[in-house]
């Protein structure tokens, strides 16, 4: 799992230091912004921030929205960070389920993974659940064992759907570093 280039400490999307707003509310805002800015086919260009200090990285046909990262060696001192990261993950999940119904789990154990699943595995993904939104999929990804990072991906629906799979998927970059130029 690549950590964000600018992120050197334990980090949560939307500001880990915001005590007055729940991570569930931040999760709902992230999903709203993703569906407004990243899902529509003719959406205007998006910069490097999705909303409220939440970074977003354009990766060809994919968008990567980092949600949380923590050092694996954080230990007991990271209990509050783990709690808030879990709350943010649940906030994204609840909002996606409210809008699109139950999520589907992406089979990461597939004998012949497509390029997207292979990239998820290369990044250390251990779980990926998705919801269809138009011709795109919102994919909530957990990395590491135990979980050390999470992200929301917005990808073409055919990358995850067994009903209408993409015939060919080019190599996928899911890194959190800004694209080099």
C-alpha atoms as a PDB file:
ATOM      1  CA  UNK A   1       0.000   0.000   0.000  1.00  0.00           C
ATOM      2  CA  UNK A   2       1.525   3.267  -1.039  1.00  0.00           C
ATOM      3  CA  UNK A   3       0.949   6.043   1.438  1.00  0.00           C
ATOM      4  CA  UNK A   4      -0.021   9.481   0.213  1.00  0.00           C
ATOM      5  CA  UNK A   5       3.015  11.553  -0.751  1.00  0.00           C
ATOM      6  CA  UNK A   6       2.103  14.451   1.507  1.00  0.00           C
ATOM      7  CA  UNK A   7       0.757  12.247   4.299  1.00  0.00           C
ATOM      8  CA  UNK A   8       3.520  11.482   6.781  1.00  0.00           C
ATOM      9  CA  UNK A   9       1.478  10.935   9.949  1.00  0.00           C
ATOM     10  CA  UNK A  10      -1.670   9.025  10.775  1.00  0.00           C
ATOM     11  CA  UNK A  11      -4.347  10.654   8.690  1.00  0.00           C
ATOM     12  CA  UNK A  12      -8.125  10.760   8.134  1.00  0.00           C
ATOM     13  CA  UNK A  13      -9.945  12.333   5.194  1.00  0.00           C
ATOM     14  CA  UNK A  14     -11.870  15.459   6.102  1.00  0.00           C
ATOM     15  CA  UNK A  15      -9.652  16.359   9.038  1.00  0.00           C
ATOM     16  CA  UNK A  16      -8.914  14.019  11.909  1.00  0.00           C
ATOM     17  CA  UNK A  17      -8.916  16.945  14.311  1.00  0.00           C
ATOM     18  CA  UNK A  18     -12.534  17.937  13.683  1.00  0.00           C
ATOM     19  CA  UNK A  19     -14.160  17.004  16.981  1.00  0.00           C
ATOM     20  CA  UNK A  20     -17.567  18.593  16.464  1.00  0.00           C
ATOM     21  CA  UNK A  21     -18.510  16.716  13.289  1.00  0.00           C
ATOM     22  CA  UNK A  22     -18.949  12.974  13.108  1.00  0.00           C
ATOM     23  CA  UNK A  23     -16.991  10.934  10.629  1.00  0.00           C
ATOM     24  CA  UNK A  24     -20.368   9.525   9.512  1.00  0.00           C
ATOM     25  CA  UNK A  25     -21.347  13.006   8.287  1.00  0.00           C
ATOM     26  CA  UNK A  26     -17.974  13.425   6.573  1.00  0.00           C
ATOM     27  CA  UNK A  27     -18.510  10.036   4.899  1.00  0.00           C
ATOM     28  CA  UNK A  28     -21.887  11.185   3.556  1.00  0.00           C
ATOM     29  CA  UNK A  29     -20.290  14.355   2.138  1.00  0.00           C
ATOM     30  CA  UNK A  30     -17.542  12.325   0.468  1.00  0.00           C
ATOM     31  CA  UNK A  31     -20.086  10.054  -1.260  1.00  0.00           C
ATOM     32  CA  UNK A  32     -22.164  13.066  -2.354  1.00  0.00           C
ATOM     33  CA  UNK A  33     -19.088  14.777  -3.799  1.00  0.00           C
ATOM     34  CA  UNK A  34     -17.945  11.571  -5.553  1.00  0.00           C
ATOM     35  CA  UNK A  35     -21.355  11.051  -7.132  1.00  0.00           C
ATOM     36  CA  UNK A  36     -21.608  14.709  -8.151  1.00  0.00           C
ATOM     37  CA  UNK A  37     -18.062  15.219  -9.450  1.00  0.00           C
ATOM     38  CA  UNK A  38     -16.647  11.801 -10.407  1.00  0.00           C
ATOM     39  CA  UNK A  39     -19.585   9.661 -11.584  1.00  0.00           C
ATOM     40  CA  UNK A  40     -21.342  11.725 -14.307  1.00  0.00           C
ATOM     41  CA  UNK A  41     -19.970  11.041 -17.811  1.00  0.00           C
ATOM     42  CA  UNK A  42     -19.683  14.745 -18.707  1.00  0.00           C
ATOM     43  CA  UNK A  43     -18.553  15.961 -15.266  1.00  0.00           C
ATOM     44  CA  UNK A  44     -16.264  18.996 -15.212  1.00  0.00           C
ATOM     45  CA  UNK A  45     -12.553  18.436 -14.472  1.00  0.00           C
ATOM     46  CA  UNK A  46     -11.727  17.803 -10.827  1.00  0.00           C
ATOM     47  CA  UNK A  47      -8.584  19.148  -9.137  1.00  0.00           C
ATOM     48  CA  UNK A  48      -6.663  17.376  -6.404  1.00  0.00           C
ATOM     49  CA  UNK A  49      -9.267  17.940  -3.651  1.00  0.00           C
ATOM     50  CA  UNK A  50     -12.678  16.287  -3.757  1.00  0.00           C
ATOM     51  CA  UNK A  51     -14.170  18.244  -0.830  1.00  0.00           C
ATOM     52  CA  UNK A  52     -13.168  19.598   2.591  1.00  0.00           C
ATOM     53  CA  UNK A  53      -9.495  18.527   2.694  1.00  0.00           C
ATOM     54  CA  UNK A  54     -10.267  15.162   1.070  1.00  0.00           C
ATOM     55  CA  UNK A  55      -7.708  14.445  -1.673  1.00  0.00           C
ATOM     56  CA  UNK A  56      -8.608  12.761  -4.945  1.00  0.00           C
ATOM     57  CA  UNK A  57      -6.239  11.333  -7.528  1.00  0.00           C
ATOM     58  CA  UNK A  58      -7.100  10.806 -11.179  1.00  0.00           C
ATOM     59  CA  UNK A  59      -5.773   7.471 -12.403  1.00  0.00           C
ATOM     60  CA  UNK A  60      -6.889   7.229 -16.024  1.00  0.00           C
ATOM     61  CA  UNK A  61     -10.380   5.745 -15.899  1.00  0.00           C
ATOM     62  CA  UNK A  62     -10.178   5.412 -12.104  1.00  0.00           C
ATOM     63  CA  UNK A  63     -10.382   7.935  -9.281  1.00  0.00           C
ATOM     64  CA  UNK A  64      -8.747   7.209  -5.920  1.00  0.00           C
ATOM     65  CA  UNK A  65     -10.088   8.954  -2.803  1.00  0.00           C
ATOM     66  CA  UNK A  66      -7.869   8.168   0.225  1.00  0.00           C
ATOM     67  CA  UNK A  67      -9.938   7.872   3.410  1.00  0.00           C
ATOM     68  CA  UNK A  68      -7.560   6.862   6.196  1.00  0.00           C
ATOM     69  CA  UNK A  69      -4.007   5.743   6.807  1.00  0.00           C
ATOM     70  CA  UNK A  70      -2.135   4.765   9.951  1.00  0.00           C
ATOM     71  CA  UNK A  71       1.245   3.352  10.725  1.00  0.00           C
ATOM     72  CA  UNK A  72       1.008  -0.397  11.350  1.00  0.00           C
ATOM     73  CA  UNK A  73       3.170   0.045  14.486  1.00  0.00           C
ATOM     74  CA  UNK A  74       0.881   2.601  16.085  1.00  0.00           C
ATOM     75  CA  UNK A  75      -0.219   0.146  18.804  1.00  0.00           C
ATOM     76  CA  UNK A  76      -2.572   1.155  21.646  1.00  0.00           C
ATOM     77  CA  UNK A  77      -1.905   4.852  21.057  1.00  0.00           C
ATOM     78  CA  UNK A  78      -3.872   4.522  17.826  1.00  0.00           C
ATOM     79  CA  UNK A  79      -7.175   3.426  19.404  1.00  0.00           C
ATOM     80  CA  UNK A  80      -8.881   6.790  18.792  1.00  0.00           C
ATOM     81  CA  UNK A  81      -7.552   6.936  15.237  1.00  0.00           C
ATOM     82  CA  UNK A  82      -8.793   3.381  14.549  1.00  0.00           C
ATOM     83  CA  UNK A  83     -12.194   4.253  15.999  1.00  0.00           C
ATOM     84  CA  UNK A  84     -12.576   7.367  13.842  1.00  0.00           C
ATOM     85  CA  UNK A  85     -11.249   5.601  10.722  1.00  0.00           C
ATOM     86  CA  UNK A  86     -13.779   2.804  11.305  1.00  0.00           C
ATOM     87  CA  UNK A  87     -16.536   5.391  11.742  1.00  0.00           C
ATOM     88  CA  UNK A  88     -15.552   7.055   8.451  1.00  0.00           C
ATOM     89  CA  UNK A  89     -15.541   3.670   6.681  1.00  0.00           C
ATOM     90  CA  UNK A  90     -19.018   2.947   8.108  1.00  0.00           C
ATOM     91  CA  UNK A  91     -20.189   6.417   7.054  1.00  0.00           C
ATOM     92  CA  UNK A  92     -19.186   5.738   3.444  1.00  0.00           C
ATOM     93  CA  UNK A  93     -20.811   2.296   3.571  1.00  0.00           C
ATOM     94  CA  UNK A  94     -24.069   3.523   5.137  1.00  0.00           C
ATOM     95  CA  UNK A  95     -24.383   6.353   2.603  1.00  0.00           C
ATOM     96  CA  UNK A  96     -23.729   3.993  -0.337  1.00  0.00           C
ATOM     97  CA  UNK A  97     -26.277   1.501   1.016  1.00  0.00           C
ATOM     98  CA  UNK A  98     -28.835   4.289   1.521  1.00  0.00           C
ATOM     99  CA  UNK A  99     -28.394   5.411  -2.094  1.00  0.00           C
ATOM    100  CA  UNK A 100     -27.822   2.082  -3.863  1.00  0.00           C
ATOM    101  CA  UNK A 101     -28.827  -0.824  -1.600  1.00  0.00           C
ATOM    102  CA  UNK A 102     -26.590  -3.566  -0.299  1.00  0.00           C
ATOM    103  CA  UNK A 103     -23.041  -3.597  -1.579  1.00  0.00           C
ATOM    104  CA  UNK A 104     -21.464  -6.488  -3.406  1.00  0.00           C
ATOM    105  CA  UNK A 105     -18.116  -7.938  -2.381  1.00  0.00           C
ATOM    106  CA  UNK A 106     -15.433  -8.032  -5.032  1.00  0.00           C
ATOM    107  CA  UNK A 107     -13.851 -11.472  -5.296  1.00  0.00           C
ATOM    108  CA  UNK A 108     -10.204 -10.849  -4.419  1.00  0.00           C
ATOM    109  CA  UNK A 109      -9.496 -14.594  -4.412  1.00  0.00           C
ATOM    110  CA  UNK A 110     -10.289 -15.029  -8.110  1.00  0.00           C
ATOM    111  CA  UNK A 111      -8.066 -17.490  -9.954  1.00  0.00           C
ATOM    112  CA  UNK A 112      -7.752 -15.076 -12.888  1.00  0.00           C
ATOM    113  CA  UNK A 113      -8.154 -11.506 -11.635  1.00  0.00           C
ATOM    114  CA  UNK A 114      -8.653  -8.635 -14.067  1.00  0.00           C
ATOM    115  CA  UNK A 115      -6.167  -5.730 -14.042  1.00  0.00           C
ATOM    116  CA  UNK A 116      -8.178  -3.801 -11.417  1.00  0.00           C
ATOM    117  CA  UNK A 117      -8.345  -6.734  -8.998  1.00  0.00           C
ATOM    118  CA  UNK A 118      -4.639  -7.433  -9.619  1.00  0.00           C
ATOM    119  CA  UNK A 119      -3.854  -3.787  -8.753  1.00  0.00           C
ATOM    120  CA  UNK A 120      -5.961  -4.052  -5.575  1.00  0.00           C
ATOM    121  CA  UNK A 121      -4.041  -7.158  -4.538  1.00  0.00           C
ATOM    122  CA  UNK A 122      -0.697  -5.501  -5.333  1.00  0.00           C
ATOM    123  CA  UNK A 123      -1.691  -2.618  -3.032  1.00  0.00           C
ATOM    124  CA  UNK A 124      -2.510  -5.028  -0.184  1.00  0.00           C
ATOM    125  CA  UNK A 125      -6.316  -4.826  -0.383  1.00  0.00           C
ATOM    126  CA  UNK A 126      -8.025  -7.336   1.844  1.00  0.00           C
ATOM    127  CA  UNK A 127     -11.637  -6.276   1.233  1.00  0.00           C
ATOM    128  CA  UNK A 128     -13.462  -4.392  -1.522  1.00  0.00           C
ATOM    129  CA  UNK A 129     -17.224  -3.784  -1.579  1.00  0.00           C
ATOM    130  CA  UNK A 130     -18.938  -1.962  -4.438  1.00  0.00           C
ATOM    131  CA  UNK A 131     -22.141  -0.224  -5.473  1.00  0.00           C
ATOM    132  CA  UNK A 132     -23.249   0.677  -8.991  1.00  0.00           C
ATOM    133  CA  UNK A 133     -23.823   4.377  -9.697  1.00  0.00           C
ATOM    134  CA  UNK A 134     -24.793   4.899 -13.315  1.00  0.00           C
ATOM    135  CA  UNK A 135     -22.027   3.461 -15.477  1.00  0.00           C
ATOM    136  CA  UNK A 136     -19.520   3.688 -12.612  1.00  0.00           C
ATOM    137  CA  UNK A 137     -18.914   1.756  -9.422  1.00  0.00           C
ATOM    138  CA  UNK A 138     -18.093   3.141  -5.990  1.00  0.00           C
ATOM    139  CA  UNK A 139     -15.619   0.693  -4.450  1.00  0.00           C
ATOM    140  CA  UNK A 140     -14.864   0.867  -0.716  1.00  0.00           C
ATOM    141  CA  UNK A 141     -11.457  -0.730  -0.136  1.00  0.00           C
ATOM    142  CA  UNK A 142      -9.717  -1.795   3.084  1.00  0.00           C
ATOM    143  CA  UNK A 143      -5.941  -2.417   2.989  1.00  0.00           C
ATOM    144  CA  UNK A 144      -3.720  -4.408   5.316  1.00  0.00           C
ATOM    145  CA  UNK A 145      -4.198  -7.012   8.005  1.00  0.00           C
ATOM    146  CA  UNK A 146      -5.080  -5.553  10.417  1.00  0.00           C
ATOM    147  CA  UNK A 147      -6.536  -2.668   8.416  1.00  0.00           C
ATOM    148  CA  UNK A 148      -4.029   0.169   8.075  1.00  0.00           C
ATOM    149  CA  UNK A 149      -5.647   2.132   5.229  1.00  0.00           C
ATOM    150  CA  UNK A 150      -8.899   2.606   3.374  1.00  0.00           C
ATOM    151  CA  UNK A 151      -9.949   4.332   0.179  1.00  0.00           C
ATOM    152  CA  UNK A 152     -12.932   4.926  -2.068  1.00  0.00           C
ATOM    153  CA  UNK A 153     -12.396   4.192  -5.758  1.00  0.00           C
ATOM    154  CA  UNK A 154     -14.668   5.357  -8.558  1.00  0.00           C
ATOM    155  CA  UNK A 155     -14.142   3.039 -11.526  1.00  0.00           C
ATOM    156  CA  UNK A 156     -15.997   1.917 -14.658  1.00  0.00           C
ATOM    157  CA  UNK A 157     -18.778  -0.503 -13.691  1.00  0.00           C
ATOM    158  CA  UNK A 158     -17.359  -3.210 -15.980  1.00  0.00           C
ATOM    159  CA  UNK A 159     -14.232  -3.461 -13.826  1.00  0.00           C
ATOM    160  CA  UNK A 160     -16.221  -4.991 -10.960  1.00  0.00           C
ATOM    161  CA  UNK A 161     -19.490  -6.289 -12.455  1.00  0.00           C
ATOM    162  CA  UNK A 162     -19.813  -9.929 -13.450  1.00  0.00           C
ATOM    163  CA  UNK A 163     -23.013  -9.081 -15.352  1.00  0.00           C
ATOM    164  CA  UNK A 164     -21.347  -6.663 -17.801  1.00  0.00           C
ATOM    165  CA  UNK A 165     -17.576  -7.029 -17.404  1.00  0.00           C
ATOM    166  CA  UNK A 166     -15.175  -4.879 -19.403  1.00  0.00           C
ATOM    167  CA  UNK A 167     -13.519  -6.934 -22.101  1.00  0.00           C
ATOM    168  CA  UNK A 168     -10.105  -5.380 -21.551  1.00  0.00           C
ATOM    169  CA  UNK A 169      -8.795  -3.285 -18.692  1.00  0.00           C
ATOM    170  CA  UNK A 170      -5.490  -1.489 -19.097  1.00  0.00           C
ATOM    171  CA  UNK A 171      -2.953  -1.562 -16.260  1.00  0.00           C
ATOM    172  CA  UNK A 172      -4.321   0.309 -13.241  1.00  0.00           C
ATOM    173  CA  UNK A 173      -2.386   2.628 -10.921  1.00  0.00           C
ATOM    174  CA  UNK A 174      -4.040   2.905  -7.491  1.00  0.00           C
ATOM    175  CA  UNK A 175      -1.247   4.818  -5.734  1.00  0.00           C
ATOM    176  CA  UNK A 176      -1.943   7.761  -3.459  1.00  0.00           C
ATOM    177  CA  UNK A 177       0.993   9.834  -4.652  1.00  0.00           C
ATOM    178  CA  UNK A 178       0.373  12.819  -6.945  1.00  0.00           C
ATOM    179  CA  UNK A 179       0.992  11.916 -10.596  1.00  0.00           C
ATOM    180  CA  UNK A 180       4.474  12.794 -11.749  1.00  0.00           C
ATOM    181  CA  UNK A 181       4.618  15.082 -14.590  1.00  0.00           C
END
